[in-house]
Amino acid sequence: MTTASSTPDVSSQLVAELPYLRRYARALTGQQDTGDRYALAALEVIVADPGLLKTAPSVKVGLFHTFHGLWSSSGAPVEGDLAGEATPGDPREARAHERLSRLTANSREALLLHSVEGFGYDAIGAIMDVSTDEAEDLVSRAMEEMGDLVTGDILIIEDEGIIAMDLKSIVTGMGHNVTDTARTRDDAIAKGKARVPDLILADIQLADKSSGIDAVNTLLADLGDRPVIFITAFPERLLTGERPEPAFLITKPYSEQQVRAAVSQAMFFASTEKMDVAI
């Protein structure tokens, strides 16, 4: 059991785990600012009452459990709910709420905890205050429900051919269409403009040492807002909270389930009108 007897050690563990809580919170809310506010609020609660960690199996589980207490008590808002960014009648927010209404309660959270954050079912149960069997059932339900909810067009920016083929196989197997694959910044920009995607799946370091982040930023400036999933071996470098950062991240080496979960979450919050939404 974790205790707070060694404050410096617990503090360092909290700091180390905070980037991953930010990633999780951003994926849940669909936005950097809203997700970060929830993550920092959870940290503030623990700082005010370190005893909350005493009954947790680990500091990380305790941190995520505290987050879930805040998340659940606020009604699990999406996109503009918390920050007030969405205007009345905003179709993007309305679509997110309509999709939420079709999902089993807490299934989305369980899926992200398992597939993206790597928690086992025992830990998910501790975080969400459900049994291990319930946690496993929630993950299974989420994969089924979210996989059938939304399909669309995806641009893959990846310089390693084998990885690009693997990603294409995964997303097409989910029912999505891959508009193209690109290996460099300029190639990505040209292909993204030629066949406008609903979602961009991008590596960060590309073949000619150009930046996938630069490619994405250019495309978003020209094409308008749309979800982006970045793939990186060092997610903590992109989750500092010091600048605009991606809401969706996959850590290398990734698993098929991680890709499926991240794509489903990103498509869930997609703002484009032309995607196929299951009725």
Protein backbone atom coordinates (compact mmCIF):
# COMPACT_ATOMS: atom_id res chain seq x y z
CA MET A 1 0.00 0.00 0.00
CA THR A 2 1.15 3.51 -0.73
CA THR A 3 1.69 5.89 2.17
CA ALA A 4 2.48 9.57 2.33
CA SER A 5 5.33 9.05 4.80
CA SER A 6 7.95 9.92 2.21
CA THR A 7 6.61 13.21 0.90
CA PRO A 8 9.46 13.99 -1.54
CA ASP A 9 9.17 10.52 -3.10
CA VAL A 10 5.38 10.78 -3.46
CA SER A 11 5.73 14.29 -4.88
CA SER A 12 8.23 13.14 -7.49
CA GLN A 13 5.93 10.27 -8.46
CA LEU A 14 3.01 12.65 -8.86
CA VAL A 15 5.06 14.92 -11.08
CA ALA A 16 6.15 11.94 -13.18
CA GLU A 17 2.58 10.70 -13.63
CA LEU A 18 0.94 14.09 -14.28
CA PRO A 19 1.71 14.14 -18.06
CA TYR A 20 -0.14 10.84 -18.47
CA LEU A 21 -3.12 12.10 -16.50
CA ARG A 22 -3.14 15.13 -18.80
CA ARG A 23 -3.17 12.83 -21.83
CA TYR A 24 -6.07 10.86 -20.40
CA ALA A 25 -8.03 13.97 -19.42
CA ARG A 26 -7.56 15.54 -22.85
CA ALA A 27 -8.77 12.42 -24.60
CA LEU A 28 -11.87 12.35 -22.41
CA THR A 29 -12.77 16.00 -22.93
CA GLY A 30 -11.53 16.41 -26.50
CA GLN A 31 -9.60 19.58 -25.62
CA GLN A 32 -6.24 20.50 -24.14
CA ASP A 33 -7.43 23.34 -21.91
CA THR A 34 -10.39 21.51 -20.40
CA GLY A 35 -8.43 18.31 -19.84
CA ASP A 36 -5.54 20.15 -18.24
CA ARG A 37 -7.85 21.96 -15.85
CA TYR A 38 -9.25 18.66 -14.62
CA ALA A 39 -5.80 17.11 -14.26
CA LEU A 40 -4.44 20.05 -12.30
CA ALA A 41 -7.56 20.15 -10.13
CA ALA A 42 -6.95 16.51 -9.19
CA LEU A 43 -3.35 17.30 -8.28
CA GLU A 44 -4.46 20.25 -6.14
CA VAL A 45 -6.90 18.03 -4.24
CA ILE A 46 -4.11 15.57 -3.42
CA VAL A 47 -1.70 18.33 -2.40
CA ALA A 48 -4.36 19.64 -0.02
CA ASP A 49 -5.05 16.14 1.36
CA PRO A 50 -2.13 13.70 0.81
CA GLY A 51 -3.99 11.13 2.87
CA LEU A 52 -6.11 10.36 -0.20
CA LEU A 53 -3.20 8.26 -1.50
CA LYS A 54 -2.91 6.06 1.60
CA THR A 55 -5.48 3.49 0.49
CA ALA A 56 -4.48 3.45 -3.18
CA PRO A 57 -2.44 0.52 -4.61
CA SER A 58 -0.03 3.06 -6.10
CA VAL A 59 0.47 6.81 -6.45
CA LYS A 60 -0.62 6.63 -10.08
CA VAL A 61 -3.85 4.79 -9.28
CA GLY A 62 -4.52 7.26 -6.46
CA LEU A 63 -4.00 10.21 -8.79
CA PHE A 64 -6.32 8.81 -11.44
CA HIS A 65 -8.89 7.84 -8.79
CA THR A 66 -8.93 11.41 -7.47
CA PHE A 67 -9.37 12.67 -11.02
CA HIS A 68 -12.33 10.35 -11.51
CA GLY A 69 -13.99 11.65 -8.38
CA LEU A 70 -13.88 15.16 -9.83
CA TRP A 71 -14.83 13.99 -13.31
CA SER A 72 -17.86 12.03 -12.13
CA SER A 73 -19.11 14.69 -9.75
CA SER A 74 -19.09 17.30 -12.53
CA GLY A 75 -21.15 15.13 -14.88
CA ALA A 76 -18.30 14.24 -17.28
CA PRO A 77 -18.60 17.30 -19.54
CA VAL A 78 -17.34 17.30 -23.13
CA GLU A 79 -15.71 19.98 -25.26
CA GLY A 80 -17.21 23.39 -24.40
CA ASP A 81 -19.21 22.37 -21.35
CA LEU A 82 -16.65 23.28 -18.71
CA ALA A 83 -14.84 26.15 -20.34
CA GLY A 84 -17.83 27.75 -22.01
CA GLU A 85 -16.22 27.61 -25.45
CA ALA A 86 -19.27 26.19 -27.16
CA THR A 87 -22.07 28.52 -28.18
CA PRO A 88 -25.75 27.62 -27.71
CA GLY A 89 -26.84 25.31 -30.48
CA ASP A 90 -23.23 24.44 -31.40
CA PRO A 91 -23.63 21.37 -33.68
CA ARG A 92 -20.23 20.01 -32.63
CA GLU A 93 -21.22 19.86 -28.97
CA ALA A 94 -24.67 18.53 -29.84
CA ARG A 95 -23.11 15.68 -31.81
CA ALA A 96 -20.79 14.80 -28.94
CA HIS A 97 -23.68 14.66 -26.50
CA GLU A 98 -25.79 12.63 -28.89
CA ARG A 99 -22.98 10.10 -29.29
CA LEU A 100 -22.45 10.00 -25.53
CA SER A 101 -26.10 9.10 -25.06
CA ARG A 102 -25.54 5.92 -27.07
CA LEU A 103 -22.61 4.67 -25.00
CA THR A 104 -22.73 2.55 -21.86
CA ALA A 105 -21.98 4.77 -18.88
CA ASN A 106 -18.27 4.88 -17.97
CA SER A 107 -17.28 2.67 -20.91
CA ARG A 108 -15.27 5.37 -22.66
CA GLU A 109 -13.27 6.05 -19.52
CA ALA A 110 -12.54 2.36 -18.99
CA LEU A 111 -11.42 1.95 -22.60
CA LEU A 112 -8.92 4.80 -22.38
CA LEU A 113 -7.59 3.65 -19.03
CA HIS A 114 -6.96 0.17 -20.41
CA SER A 115 -5.96 0.74 -24.03
CA VAL A 116 -4.12 4.06 -23.92
CA GLU A 117 -2.90 4.34 -20.33
CA GLY A 118 -2.16 0.63 -19.92
CA PHE A 119 -4.01 -0.05 -16.66
CA GLY A 120 -5.07 -3.60 -15.87
CA TYR A 121 -8.66 -4.37 -14.96
CA ASP A 122 -7.87 -4.47 -11.22
CA ALA A 123 -6.43 -0.95 -11.39
CA ILE A 124 -9.34 0.30 -13.51
CA GLY A 125 -11.71 -1.06 -10.91
CA ALA A 126 -9.84 0.78 -8.17
CA ILE A 127 -9.82 4.01 -10.18
CA MET A 128 -13.49 3.89 -11.13
CA ASP A 129 -14.82 2.20 -7.96
CA VAL A 130 -16.15 -0.84 -9.83
CA SER A 131 -15.30 -4.53 -9.68
CA THR A 132 -12.63 -6.09 -11.87
CA ASP A 133 -15.29 -7.94 -13.85
CA GLU A 134 -17.24 -4.73 -14.37
CA ALA A 135 -14.11 -2.96 -15.58
CA GLU A 136 -13.42 -5.69 -18.13
CA ASP A 137 -17.04 -5.59 -19.32
CA LEU A 138 -16.92 -1.80 -19.73
CA VAL A 139 -13.81 -2.02 -21.92
CA SER A 140 -15.42 -4.67 -24.12
CA ARG A 141 -18.62 -2.66 -24.48
CA ALA A 142 -16.70 0.50 -25.38
CA MET A 143 -14.77 -1.22 -28.15
CA GLU A 144 -17.99 -2.47 -29.67
CA GLU A 145 -20.03 0.69 -29.26
CA MET A 146 -17.45 3.28 -30.26
CA GLY A 147 -16.13 1.22 -33.15
CA ASP A 148 -19.57 1.28 -34.76
CA LEU A 149 -20.36 4.92 -34.01
CA VAL A 150 -18.41 7.07 -36.47
CA THR A 151 -16.34 6.41 -39.61
CA GLY A 152 -14.47 8.88 -41.78
CA ASP A 153 -11.42 9.71 -43.91
CA ILE A 154 -7.93 9.54 -42.37
CA LEU A 155 -4.58 10.90 -43.57
CA ILE A 156 -1.57 8.98 -42.23
CA ILE A 157 1.72 10.88 -41.89
CA GLU A 158 4.43 8.29 -41.18
CA ASP A 159 7.87 7.85 -42.71
CA GLU A 160 8.34 4.17 -41.85
CA GLY A 161 6.62 2.09 -44.50
CA ILE A 162 5.87 -0.92 -42.32
CA ILE A 163 4.30 1.24 -39.61
CA ALA A 164 2.28 3.18 -42.17
CA MET A 165 0.94 -0.08 -43.60
CA ASP A 166 0.12 -1.35 -40.11
CA LEU A 167 -1.75 1.82 -39.20
CA LYS A 168 -3.66 1.69 -42.48
CA SER A 169 -4.65 -1.90 -41.84
CA ILE A 170 -5.89 -1.08 -38.34
CA VAL A 171 -8.01 1.93 -39.27
CA THR A 172 -9.46 0.40 -42.43
CA GLY A 173 -10.36 -2.62 -40.35
CA MET A 174 -12.37 -0.24 -38.17
CA GLY A 175 -14.33 0.93 -41.21
CA HIS A 176 -12.43 4.14 -41.91
CA ASN A 177 -11.02 5.19 -45.28
CA VAL A 178 -7.34 6.18 -45.64
CA THR A 179 -7.12 9.09 -48.07
CA ASP A 180 -3.34 8.79 -48.41
CA THR A 181 -0.04 8.24 -46.61
CA ALA A 182 2.81 10.76 -46.50
CA ARG A 183 6.48 10.51 -45.49
CA THR A 184 7.54 14.18 -45.25
CA ARG A 185 6.10 17.52 -44.22
CA ASP A 186 5.69 18.81 -47.76
CA ASP A 187 4.24 15.52 -48.94
CA ALA A 188 1.74 15.56 -46.11
CA ILE A 189 0.64 19.12 -46.81
CA ALA A 190 0.16 18.41 -50.52
CA LYS A 191 -1.78 15.18 -49.94
CA GLY A 192 -3.85 16.65 -47.11
CA LYS A 193 -4.98 19.53 -49.32
CA ALA A 194 -5.65 17.26 -52.30
CA ARG A 195 -7.92 14.90 -50.34
CA VAL A 196 -9.15 16.58 -47.19
CA PRO A 197 -9.26 14.13 -44.23
CA ASP A 198 -11.59 14.05 -41.25
CA LEU A 199 -8.72 12.97 -38.98
CA ILE A 200 -4.92 13.11 -39.19
CA LEU A 201 -2.72 10.39 -37.72
CA ALA A 202 0.85 11.71 -37.61
CA ASP A 203 4.33 10.70 -36.54
CA ILE A 204 6.45 13.55 -35.18
CA GLN A 205 9.87 12.86 -36.73
CA LEU A 206 9.57 12.38 -40.50
CA ALA A 207 11.85 10.94 -43.20
CA ASP A 208 13.71 14.11 -44.19
CA LYS A 209 14.01 15.26 -40.56
CA SER A 210 11.01 17.51 -41.07
CA SER A 211 8.33 17.78 -38.41
CA GLY A 212 4.97 16.08 -38.39
CA ILE A 213 3.81 18.80 -36.00
CA ASP A 214 4.68 21.49 -38.57
CA ALA A 215 2.83 19.55 -41.25
CA VAL A 216 -0.26 19.25 -39.09
CA ASN A 217 -0.21 22.90 -38.04
CA THR A 218 -0.03 24.00 -41.68
CA LEU A 219 -2.88 21.69 -42.66
CA LEU A 220 -5.09 22.83 -39.81
CA ALA A 221 -4.46 26.47 -40.70
CA ASP A 222 -5.61 25.78 -44.27
CA LEU A 223 -8.30 23.15 -43.74
CA GLY A 224 -9.79 24.20 -40.41
CA ASP A 225 -10.06 22.38 -37.11
CA ARG A 226 -10.16 18.58 -37.13
CA PRO A 227 -8.89 15.89 -34.73
CA VAL A 228 -5.21 14.89 -34.80
CA ILE A 229 -3.50 11.91 -33.19
CA PHE A 230 0.27 12.16 -32.77
CA ILE A 231 2.53 9.13 -32.41
CA THR A 232 5.67 9.59 -30.32
CA ALA A 233 8.10 7.61 -28.22
CA PHE A 234 8.29 10.51 -25.75
CA PRO A 235 4.74 11.67 -24.90
CA GLU A 236 5.87 13.49 -21.76
CA ARG A 237 7.74 15.98 -23.98
CA LEU A 238 4.43 17.03 -25.53
CA LEU A 239 2.44 17.13 -22.30
CA THR A 240 4.09 19.91 -20.35
CA GLY A 241 1.14 22.30 -20.44
CA GLU A 242 3.48 25.09 -21.55
CA ARG A 243 2.16 25.53 -25.12
CA PRO A 244 -0.64 24.36 -27.44
CA GLU A 245 -0.39 20.58 -27.43
CA PRO A 246 -2.26 17.65 -28.96
CA ALA A 247 -5.30 16.21 -27.23
CA PHE A 248 -4.61 12.71 -28.56
CA LEU A 249 -1.31 10.87 -28.27
CA ILE A 250 -0.19 7.30 -28.94
CA THR A 251 3.05 6.14 -27.41
CA LYS A 252 5.54 4.10 -29.45
CA PRO A 253 5.69 1.16 -29.53
CA TYR A 254 1.91 1.09 -29.81
CA SER A 255 -0.60 -1.75 -29.79
CA GLU A 256 -3.52 -2.21 -32.15
CA GLN A 257 -5.91 -1.64 -29.26
CA GLN A 258 -4.24 1.69 -28.46
CA VAL A 259 -4.67 2.87 -32.03
CA ARG A 260 -8.28 1.73 -32.15
CA ALA A 261 -9.10 3.44 -28.86
CA ALA A 262 -7.41 6.72 -29.79
CA VAL A 263 -9.00 6.83 -33.25
CA SER A 264 -12.44 6.10 -31.80
CA GLN A 265 -12.03 8.85 -29.19
CA ALA A 266 -10.76 11.38 -31.72
CA MET A 267 -13.53 10.62 -34.21
CA PHE A 268 -16.00 10.93 -31.35
CA PHE A 269 -15.14 14.63 -31.06
CA ALA A 270 -14.67 15.31 -34.77
CA SER A 271 -16.27 18.55 -35.91
CA THR A 272 -16.56 17.84 -39.62
CA GLU A 273 -20.00 17.41 -41.13
CA LYS A 274 -19.41 14.79 -43.82
CA MET A 275 -18.47 11.78 -41.72
CA ASP A 276 -20.75 8.79 -41.64
CA VAL A 277 -22.50 8.59 -38.27
CA ALA A 278 -24.24 5.34 -37.47
CA ILE A 279 -27.92 5.69 -36.67
